[in-house]
All heavy atoms as atom14 arrays in JSON, in Angstrom:
{
  "sequence": "IISRAAPDLPYQVNGDVAKTGLESILDNRTLSLR",
  "atom14_mask": [
    [1, 1, 1, 1, 1, 1, 1, 1, 0, 0, 0, 0, 0, 0],
    [1, 1, 1, 1, 1, 1, 1, 1, 0, 0, 0, 0, 0, 0],
    [1, 1, 1, 1, 1, 1, 0, 0, 0, 0, 0, 0, 0, 0],
    [1, 1, 1, 1, 1, 1, 1, 1, 1, 1, 1, 0, 0, 0],
    [1, 1, 1, 1, 1, 0, 0, 0, 0, 0, 0, 0, 0, 0],
    [1, 1, 1, 1, 1, 0, 0, 0, 0, 0, 0, 0, 0, 0],
    [1, 1, 1, 1, 1, 1, 1, 0, 0, 0, 0, 0, 0, 0],
    [1, 1, 1, 1, 1, 1, 1, 1, 0, 0, 0, 0, 0, 0],
    [1, 1, 1, 1, 1, 1, 1, 1, 0, 0, 0, 0, 0, 0],
    [1, 1, 1, 1, 1, 1, 1, 0, 0, 0, 0, 0, 0, 0],
    [1, 1, 1, 1, 1, 1, 1, 1, 1, 1, 1, 1, 0, 0],
    [1, 1, 1, 1, 1, 1, 1, 1, 1, 0, 0, 0, 0, 0],
    [1, 1, 1, 1, 1, 1, 1, 0, 0, 0, 0, 0, 0, 0],
    [1, 1, 1, 1, 1, 1, 1, 1, 0, 0, 0, 0, 0, 0],
    [1, 1, 1, 1, 0, 0, 0, 0, 0, 0, 0, 0, 0, 0],
    [1, 1, 1, 1, 1, 1, 1, 1, 0, 0, 0, 0, 0, 0],
    [1, 1, 1, 1, 1, 1, 1, 0, 0, 0, 0, 0, 0, 0],
    [1, 1, 1, 1, 1, 0, 0, 0, 0, 0, 0, 0, 0, 0],
    [1, 1, 1, 1, 1, 1, 1, 1, 1, 0, 0, 0, 0, 0],
    [1, 1, 1, 1, 1, 1, 1, 0, 0, 0, 0, 0, 0, 0],
    [1, 1, 1, 1, 0, 0, 0, 0, 0, 0, 0, 0, 0, 0],
    [1, 1, 1, 1, 1, 1, 1, 1, 0, 0, 0, 0, 0, 0],
    [1, 1, 1, 1, 1, 1, 1, 1, 1, 0, 0, 0, 0, 0],
    [1, 1, 1, 1, 1, 1, 0, 0, 0, 0, 0, 0, 0, 0],
    [1, 1, 1, 1, 1, 1, 1, 1, 0, 0, 0, 0, 0, 0],
    [1, 1, 1, 1, 1, 1, 1, 1, 0, 0, 0, 0, 0, 0],
    [1, 1, 1, 1, 1, 1, 1, 1, 0, 0, 0, 0, 0, 0],
    [1, 1, 1, 1, 1, 1, 1, 1, 0, 0, 0, 0, 0, 0],
    [1, 1, 1, 1, 1, 1, 1, 1, 1, 1, 1, 0, 0, 0],
    [1, 1, 1, 1, 1, 1, 1, 0, 0, 0, 0, 0, 0, 0],
    [1, 1, 1, 1, 1, 1, 1, 1, 0, 0, 0, 0, 0, 0],
    [1, 1, 1, 1, 1, 1, 0, 0, 0, 0, 0, 0, 0, 0],
    [1, 1, 1, 1, 1, 1, 1, 1, 0, 0, 0, 0, 0, 0],
    [1, 1, 1, 1, 1, 1, 1, 1, 1, 1, 1, 0, 0, 0]
  ],
  "atom14_positions": [
    [[41.07, -55.01, 102.53], [40.47, -55.23, 103.85], [41.15, -56.44, 104.48], [41.0, -57.56, 104.0], [38.95, -55.45, 103.74], [38.26, -54.23, 103.15], [38.36, -55.75, 105.13], [36.76, -54.4, 102.93], [0.0, 0.0, 0.0], [0.0, 0.0, 0.0], [0.0, 0.0, 0.0], [0.0, 0.0, 0.0], [0.0, 0.0, 0.0], [0.0, 0.0, 0.0]],
    [[41.9, -56.21, 105.52], [42.61, -57.29, 106.2], [41.68, -58.05, 107.15], [41.71, -59.28, 107.23], [43.81, -56.72, 106.99], [44.79, -56.04, 106.04], [44.52, -57.82, 107.79], [45.92, -55.31, 106.75], [0.0, 0.0, 0.0], [0.0, 0.0, 0.0], [0.0, 0.0, 0.0], [0.0, 0.0, 0.0], [0.0, 0.0, 0.0], [0.0, 0.0, 0.0]],
    [[40.84, -57.3, 107.86], [39.9, -57.91, 108.81], [38.66, -57.02, 108.89], [38.72, -55.89, 109.38], [40.55, -58.04, 110.2], [39.62, -58.51, 111.16], [0.0, 0.0, 0.0], [0.0, 0.0, 0.0], [0.0, 0.0, 0.0], [0.0, 0.0, 0.0], [0.0, 0.0, 0.0], [0.0, 0.0, 0.0], [0.0, 0.0, 0.0], [0.0, 0.0, 0.0]],
    [[37.55, -57.53, 108.37], [36.33, -56.72, 108.31], [35.61, -56.78, 109.65], [35.33, -57.86, 110.18], [35.42, -57.21, 107.2], [34.21, -56.32, 106.96], [33.39, -56.79, 105.77], [32.32, -55.87, 105.46], [31.14, -55.85, 106.08], [30.88, -56.75, 107.03], [30.2, -54.98, 105.75], [0.0, 0.0, 0.0], [0.0, 0.0, 0.0], [0.0, 0.0, 0.0]],
    [[35.28, -55.61, 110.21], [34.55, -55.53, 111.47], [33.06, -55.66, 111.23], [32.54, -55.13, 110.24], [34.85, -54.21, 112.17], [0.0, 0.0, 0.0], [0.0, 0.0, 0.0], [0.0, 0.0, 0.0], [0.0, 0.0, 0.0], [0.0, 0.0, 0.0], [0.0, 0.0, 0.0], [0.0, 0.0, 0.0], [0.0, 0.0, 0.0], [0.0, 0.0, 0.0]],
    [[32.38, -56.37, 112.12], [30.92, -56.47, 112.05], [30.33, -55.06, 112.17], [30.85, -54.22, 112.92], [30.39, -57.36, 113.16], [0.0, 0.0, 0.0], [0.0, 0.0, 0.0], [0.0, 0.0, 0.0], [0.0, 0.0, 0.0], [0.0, 0.0, 0.0], [0.0, 0.0, 0.0], [0.0, 0.0, 0.0], [0.0, 0.0, 0.0], [0.0, 0.0, 0.0]],
    [[29.27, -54.78, 111.44], [28.74, -53.4, 111.4], [28.02, -52.97, 112.68], [27.82, -51.79, 112.91], [27.78, -53.44, 110.21], [27.37, -54.88, 110.1], [28.56, -55.67, 110.51], [0.0, 0.0, 0.0], [0.0, 0.0, 0.0], [0.0, 0.0, 0.0], [0.0, 0.0, 0.0], [0.0, 0.0, 0.0], [0.0, 0.0, 0.0], [0.0, 0.0, 0.0]],
    [[27.64, -53.94, 113.52], [26.83, -53.61, 114.7], [27.72, -53.33, 115.92], [27.67, -54.04, 116.93], [25.84, -54.73, 115.01], [26.52, -56.08, 115.16], [27.63, -56.25, 114.63], [25.93, -56.96, 115.83], [0.0, 0.0, 0.0], [0.0, 0.0, 0.0], [0.0, 0.0, 0.0], [0.0, 0.0, 0.0], [0.0, 0.0, 0.0], [0.0, 0.0, 0.0]],
    [[28.53, -52.28, 115.83], [29.44, -51.96, 116.93], [28.64, -51.62, 118.2], [27.77, -50.74, 118.17], [30.32, -50.77, 116.56], [31.38, -50.98, 115.48], [32.06, -49.65, 115.16], [32.41, -52.01, 115.92], [0.0, 0.0, 0.0], [0.0, 0.0, 0.0], [0.0, 0.0, 0.0], [0.0, 0.0, 0.0], [0.0, 0.0, 0.0], [0.0, 0.0, 0.0]],
    [[28.95, -52.27, 119.33], [28.24, -51.95, 120.57], [28.73, -50.66, 121.22], [28.13, -50.19, 122.19], [28.55, -53.16, 121.46], [29.87, -53.65, 120.98], [29.89, -53.4, 119.5], [0.0, 0.0, 0.0], [0.0, 0.0, 0.0], [0.0, 0.0, 0.0], [0.0, 0.0, 0.0], [0.0, 0.0, 0.0], [0.0, 0.0, 0.0], [0.0, 0.0, 0.0]],
    [[29.82, -50.12, 120.71], [30.38, -48.88, 121.26], [30.88, -48.03, 120.11], [31.56, -48.52, 119.21], [31.52, -49.18, 122.23], [32.16, -47.94, 122.82], [31.62, -47.32, 123.93], [33.3, -47.38, 122.23], [32.2, -46.18, 124.46], [33.88, -46.24, 122.75], [33.32, -45.63, 123.86], [33.88, -44.5, 124.38], [0.0, 0.0, 0.0], [0.0, 0.0, 0.0]],
    [[30.57, -46.73, 120.13], [30.99, -45.83, 119.06], [32.41, -45.35, 119.33], [32.63, -44.4, 120.09], [30.03, -44.64, 118.98], [30.29, -43.74, 117.77], [29.32, -42.58, 117.7], [28.4, -42.48, 118.5], [29.53, -41.69, 116.73], [0.0, 0.0, 0.0], [0.0, 0.0, 0.0], [0.0, 0.0, 0.0], [0.0, 0.0, 0.0], [0.0, 0.0, 0.0]],
    [[33.35, -46.0, 118.71], [34.76, -45.71, 118.96], [35.11, -44.28, 118.61], [35.91, -43.63, 119.3], [35.66, -46.69, 118.18], [37.13, -46.3, 118.31], [35.44, -48.11, 118.65], [0.0, 0.0, 0.0], [0.0, 0.0, 0.0], [0.0, 0.0, 0.0], [0.0, 0.0, 0.0], [0.0, 0.0, 0.0], [0.0, 0.0, 0.0], [0.0, 0.0, 0.0]],
    [[34.53, -43.73, 117.55], [34.86, -42.37, 117.12], [33.95, -41.32, 117.75], [33.93, -40.17, 117.33], [34.81, -42.25, 115.6], [33.44, -42.57, 115.03], [32.44, -42.56, 115.74], [33.39, -42.87, 113.73], [0.0, 0.0, 0.0], [0.0, 0.0, 0.0], [0.0, 0.0, 0.0], [0.0, 0.0, 0.0], [0.0, 0.0, 0.0], [0.0, 0.0, 0.0]],
    [[33.2, -41.71, 118.79], [32.29, -40.79, 119.44], [32.97, -39.86, 120.44], [34.17, -39.97, 120.72], [0.0, 0.0, 0.0], [0.0, 0.0, 0.0], [0.0, 0.0, 0.0], [0.0, 0.0, 0.0], [0.0, 0.0, 0.0], [0.0, 0.0, 0.0], [0.0, 0.0, 0.0], [0.0, 0.0, 0.0], [0.0, 0.0, 0.0], [0.0, 0.0, 0.0]],
    [[32.18, -38.97, 121.0], [32.65, -38.0, 121.99], [32.65, -38.66, 123.36], [31.6, -39.01, 123.9], [31.73, -36.77, 121.99], [32.23, -35.66, 122.9], [33.17, -35.91, 123.69], [31.68, -34.55, 122.84], [0.0, 0.0, 0.0], [0.0, 0.0, 0.0], [0.0, 0.0, 0.0], [0.0, 0.0, 0.0], [0.0, 0.0, 0.0], [0.0, 0.0, 0.0]],
    [[33.85, -38.82, 123.94], [33.97, -39.47, 125.25], [33.18, -38.73, 126.31], [32.59, -39.35, 127.21], [35.46, -39.56, 125.66], [35.61, -40.11, 127.06], [36.22, -40.43, 124.67], [0.0, 0.0, 0.0], [0.0, 0.0, 0.0], [0.0, 0.0, 0.0], [0.0, 0.0, 0.0], [0.0, 0.0, 0.0], [0.0, 0.0, 0.0], [0.0, 0.0, 0.0]],
    [[33.15, -37.41, 126.21], [32.46, -36.6, 127.23], [30.96, -36.88, 127.25], [30.29, -36.62, 128.25], [32.72, -35.12, 126.97], [0.0, 0.0, 0.0], [0.0, 0.0, 0.0], [0.0, 0.0, 0.0], [0.0, 0.0, 0.0], [0.0, 0.0, 0.0], [0.0, 0.0, 0.0], [0.0, 0.0, 0.0], [0.0, 0.0, 0.0], [0.0, 0.0, 0.0]],
    [[30.43, -37.42, 126.16], [28.99, -37.69, 126.08], [28.67, -39.16, 126.33], [27.54, -39.59, 126.12], [28.47, -37.25, 124.71], [28.58, -35.75, 124.47], [28.05, -35.37, 123.09], [28.19, -33.87, 122.84], [27.7, -33.49, 121.48], [0.0, 0.0, 0.0], [0.0, 0.0, 0.0], [0.0, 0.0, 0.0], [0.0, 0.0, 0.0], [0.0, 0.0, 0.0]],
    [[29.66, -39.92, 126.74], [29.47, -41.35, 126.98], [29.64, -41.64, 128.46], [30.61, -41.2, 129.08], [30.51, -42.18, 126.19], [30.47, -41.78, 124.82], [30.2, -43.66, 126.29], [0.0, 0.0, 0.0], [0.0, 0.0, 0.0], [0.0, 0.0, 0.0], [0.0, 0.0, 0.0], [0.0, 0.0, 0.0], [0.0, 0.0, 0.0], [0.0, 0.0, 0.0]],
    [[28.7, -42.37, 129.04], [28.77, -42.71, 130.45], [29.92, -43.64, 130.76], [30.33, -44.46, 129.91], [0.0, 0.0, 0.0], [0.0, 0.0, 0.0], [0.0, 0.0, 0.0], [0.0, 0.0, 0.0], [0.0, 0.0, 0.0], [0.0, 0.0, 0.0], [0.0, 0.0, 0.0], [0.0, 0.0, 0.0], [0.0, 0.0, 0.0], [0.0, 0.0, 0.0]],
    [[30.46, -43.54, 131.98], [31.6, -44.36, 132.36], [31.27, -45.85, 132.31], [32.1, -46.66, 131.89], [32.08, -43.98, 133.77], [33.26, -44.78, 134.32], [34.47, -44.66, 133.41], [33.6, -44.34, 135.73], [0.0, 0.0, 0.0], [0.0, 0.0, 0.0], [0.0, 0.0, 0.0], [0.0, 0.0, 0.0], [0.0, 0.0, 0.0], [0.0, 0.0, 0.0]],
    [[30.07, -46.23, 132.72], [29.72, -47.64, 132.71], [29.74, -48.2, 131.3], [30.2, -49.32, 131.07], [28.33, -47.84, 133.34], [28.29, -47.59, 134.85], [29.29, -48.46, 135.6], [29.25, -49.7, 135.42], [30.11, -47.91, 136.36], [0.0, 0.0, 0.0], [0.0, 0.0, 0.0], [0.0, 0.0, 0.0], [0.0, 0.0, 0.0], [0.0, 0.0, 0.0]],
    [[29.25, -47.43, 130.35], [29.29, -47.87, 128.95], [30.73, -48.0, 128.46], [31.08, -48.97, 127.76], [28.53, -46.88, 128.07], [28.62, -47.25, 126.71], [0.0, 0.0, 0.0], [0.0, 0.0, 0.0], [0.0, 0.0, 0.0], [0.0, 0.0, 0.0], [0.0, 0.0, 0.0], [0.0, 0.0, 0.0], [0.0, 0.0, 0.0], [0.0, 0.0, 0.0]],
    [[31.58, -47.06, 128.85], [32.99, -47.11, 128.46], [33.65, -48.36, 129.01], [34.39, -49.06, 128.3], [33.72, -45.84, 128.96], [33.26, -44.63, 128.15], [35.23, -46.02, 128.86], [33.8, -43.3, 128.68], [0.0, 0.0, 0.0], [0.0, 0.0, 0.0], [0.0, 0.0, 0.0], [0.0, 0.0, 0.0], [0.0, 0.0, 0.0], [0.0, 0.0, 0.0]],
    [[33.37, -48.68, 130.27], [34.01, -49.84, 130.91], [33.37, -51.16, 130.48], [34.06, -52.17, 130.36], [33.96, -49.69, 132.43], [34.71, -48.48, 133.0], [34.61, -48.46, 134.51], [36.17, -48.47, 132.55], [0.0, 0.0, 0.0], [0.0, 0.0, 0.0], [0.0, 0.0, 0.0], [0.0, 0.0, 0.0], [0.0, 0.0, 0.0], [0.0, 0.0, 0.0]],
    [[32.07, -51.17, 130.24], [31.4, -52.39, 129.78], [31.91, -52.81, 128.4], [31.93, -54.0, 128.07], [29.88, -52.18, 129.72], [29.24, -52.16, 131.1], [29.89, -52.61, 132.06], [28.1, -51.68, 131.21], [0.0, 0.0, 0.0], [0.0, 0.0, 0.0], [0.0, 0.0, 0.0], [0.0, 0.0, 0.0], [0.0, 0.0, 0.0], [0.0, 0.0, 0.0]],
    [[32.3, -51.82, 127.6], [32.79, -52.09, 126.24], [34.27, -51.76, 126.13], [34.73, -51.15, 125.16], [31.99, -51.24, 125.24], [30.52, -51.6, 125.22], [30.11, -52.61, 124.65], [29.7, -50.75, 125.85], [0.0, 0.0, 0.0], [0.0, 0.0, 0.0], [0.0, 0.0, 0.0], [0.0, 0.0, 0.0], [0.0, 0.0, 0.0], [0.0, 0.0, 0.0]],
    [[35.03, -52.2, 127.13], [36.41, -51.78, 127.25], [37.26, -52.18, 126.05], [38.15, -51.43, 125.63], [37.03, -52.37, 128.53], [38.28, -51.67, 129.01], [38.06, -50.18, 129.17], [39.02, -49.54, 130.05], [39.19, -48.24, 130.11], [38.48, -47.43, 129.3], [40.06, -47.7, 130.95], [0.0, 0.0, 0.0], [0.0, 0.0, 0.0], [0.0, 0.0, 0.0]],
    [[37.02, -53.34, 125.48], [37.86, -53.78, 124.36], [37.71, -52.85, 123.15], [38.63, -52.74, 122.33], [37.51, -55.22, 123.93], [36.09, -55.32, 123.74], [37.92, -56.21, 125.0], [0.0, 0.0, 0.0], [0.0, 0.0, 0.0], [0.0, 0.0, 0.0], [0.0, 0.0, 0.0], [0.0, 0.0, 0.0], [0.0, 0.0, 0.0], [0.0, 0.0, 0.0]],
    [[36.57, -52.18, 123.06], [36.38, -51.2, 121.99], [36.7, -49.79, 122.44], [37.28, -49.0, 121.69], [34.94, -51.27, 121.46], [34.61, -52.45, 120.54], [33.15, -52.43, 120.17], [35.48, -52.41, 119.28], [0.0, 0.0, 0.0], [0.0, 0.0, 0.0], [0.0, 0.0, 0.0], [0.0, 0.0, 0.0], [0.0, 0.0, 0.0], [0.0, 0.0, 0.0]],
    [[36.32, -49.43, 123.67], [36.53, -48.04, 124.11], [38.01, -47.69, 124.18], [38.39, -46.53, 124.0], [35.86, -47.81, 125.47], [36.5, -48.52, 126.51], [0.0, 0.0, 0.0], [0.0, 0.0, 0.0], [0.0, 0.0, 0.0], [0.0, 0.0, 0.0], [0.0, 0.0, 0.0], [0.0, 0.0, 0.0], [0.0, 0.0, 0.0], [0.0, 0.0, 0.0]],
    [[38.87, -48.69, 124.39], [40.31, -48.42, 124.42], [40.85, -48.04, 123.04], [41.97, -47.55, 122.93], [41.06, -49.64, 124.95], [40.99, -49.86, 126.47], [41.55, -51.22, 126.84], [41.73, -48.75, 127.21], [0.0, 0.0, 0.0], [0.0, 0.0, 0.0], [0.0, 0.0, 0.0], [0.0, 0.0, 0.0], [0.0, 0.0, 0.0], [0.0, 0.0, 0.0]],
    [[40.05, -48.25, 122.0], [40.48, -47.84, 120.66], [40.29, -46.34, 120.44], [40.88, -45.77, 119.53], [39.69, -48.6, 119.6], [39.87, -50.1, 119.65], [39.15, -50.76, 118.49], [39.25, -52.21, 118.53], [38.88, -53.02, 117.55], [38.38, -52.49, 116.42], [38.99, -54.33, 117.66], [0.0, 0.0, 0.0], [0.0, 0.0, 0.0], [0.0, 0.0, 0.0]]
  ]
}
């Protein structure tokens, strides 16, 4: 493990984009871009 991520992710990176609102995507941009 090079860098352990905190477990409380505010955005589900592996989730379905079609089921995520645009505001949530943009509010969590540093994660949604992953």
